[in-house]
């Protein structure tokens, strides 16, 4: 996977990711669970054309 993740001020998490379909599906499944102690109320997913602009996966601040 490549792309980025960041926490938003309102408590939501935003992820932009590109990669193999199976890896993206695993990421999406994990998003529905979240890490331990997290409360996941909703997951929204939007597919967009691949940009190819990422070479790593980073945390943005």
Protein backbone atom coordinates (compact mmCIF):
# COMPACT_ATOMS: atom_id res chain seq x y z
CA UNK A 1 0.00 0.00 0.00
CA UNK A 2 1.04 3.58 -0.61
CA UNK A 3 -0.59 6.83 0.44
CA UNK A 4 -1.21 8.51 3.78
CA UNK A 5 -3.34 8.61 6.93
CA UNK A 6 -4.13 11.52 9.25
CA UNK A 7 -6.27 12.28 12.27
CA UNK A 8 -8.74 15.11 11.75
CA UNK A 9 -9.54 17.66 14.49
CA UNK A 10 -13.08 16.27 14.92
CA UNK A 11 -11.79 12.77 15.75
CA UNK A 12 -12.26 11.22 12.32
CA UNK A 13 -9.41 9.54 10.46
CA UNK A 14 -8.75 10.17 6.77
CA UNK A 15 -6.86 7.67 4.62
CA UNK A 16 -5.78 7.94 1.00
CA UNK A 17 -4.35 4.64 -0.22
CA UNK A 18 -3.33 2.95 -3.45
CA UNK A 19 -2.24 -0.62 -3.96
CA UNK A 20 -3.27 -4.14 -4.85
CA UNK A 21 -7.00 -4.76 -4.57
CA UNK A 22 -6.52 -7.44 -1.91
CA UNK A 23 -4.40 -5.10 0.25
CA UNK A 24 -6.98 -2.33 -0.09
CA UNK A 25 -9.75 -4.74 0.92
CA UNK A 26 -7.74 -5.79 4.00
CA UNK A 27 -7.22 -2.14 4.94
CA UNK A 28 -10.92 -1.42 4.54
CA UNK A 29 -11.83 -4.43 6.68
CA UNK A 30 -9.41 -3.26 9.38
CA UNK A 31 -10.94 0.23 9.27
CA UNK A 32 -14.29 -1.26 10.32
CA UNK A 33 -12.60 -2.66 13.46
CA UNK A 34 -9.95 -0.06 14.20
CA UNK A 35 -7.18 -0.45 16.76
CA UNK A 36 -7.83 -1.64 20.28
CA UNK A 37 -9.67 0.99 22.38
CA UNK A 38 -10.99 2.74 19.25
CA UNK A 39 -14.68 3.27 18.61
CA UNK A 40 -15.58 3.05 14.93
CA UNK A 41 -18.98 4.59 14.23
CA UNK A 42 -18.87 4.76 10.46
CA UNK A 43 -16.58 4.00 7.52
CA UNK A 44 -16.97 5.81 4.21
CA UNK A 45 -15.11 4.63 1.14
CA UNK A 46 -14.76 6.39 -2.19
CA UNK A 47 -12.91 4.96 -5.17
CA UNK A 48 -11.01 7.35 -7.40
CA UNK A 49 -8.65 6.85 -10.34
CA UNK A 50 -5.13 5.78 -9.34
CA UNK A 51 -2.83 8.81 -9.27
CA UNK A 52 0.50 7.01 -8.89
CA UNK A 53 1.80 9.95 -6.84
CA UNK A 54 2.77 7.90 -3.76
CA UNK A 55 5.82 5.69 -3.19
CA UNK A 56 5.36 5.07 0.57
CA UNK A 57 2.64 5.06 3.20
CA UNK A 58 3.05 7.85 5.75
CA UNK A 59 1.31 9.50 8.67
CA UNK A 60 0.48 13.13 7.98
CA UNK A 61 0.23 15.68 10.77
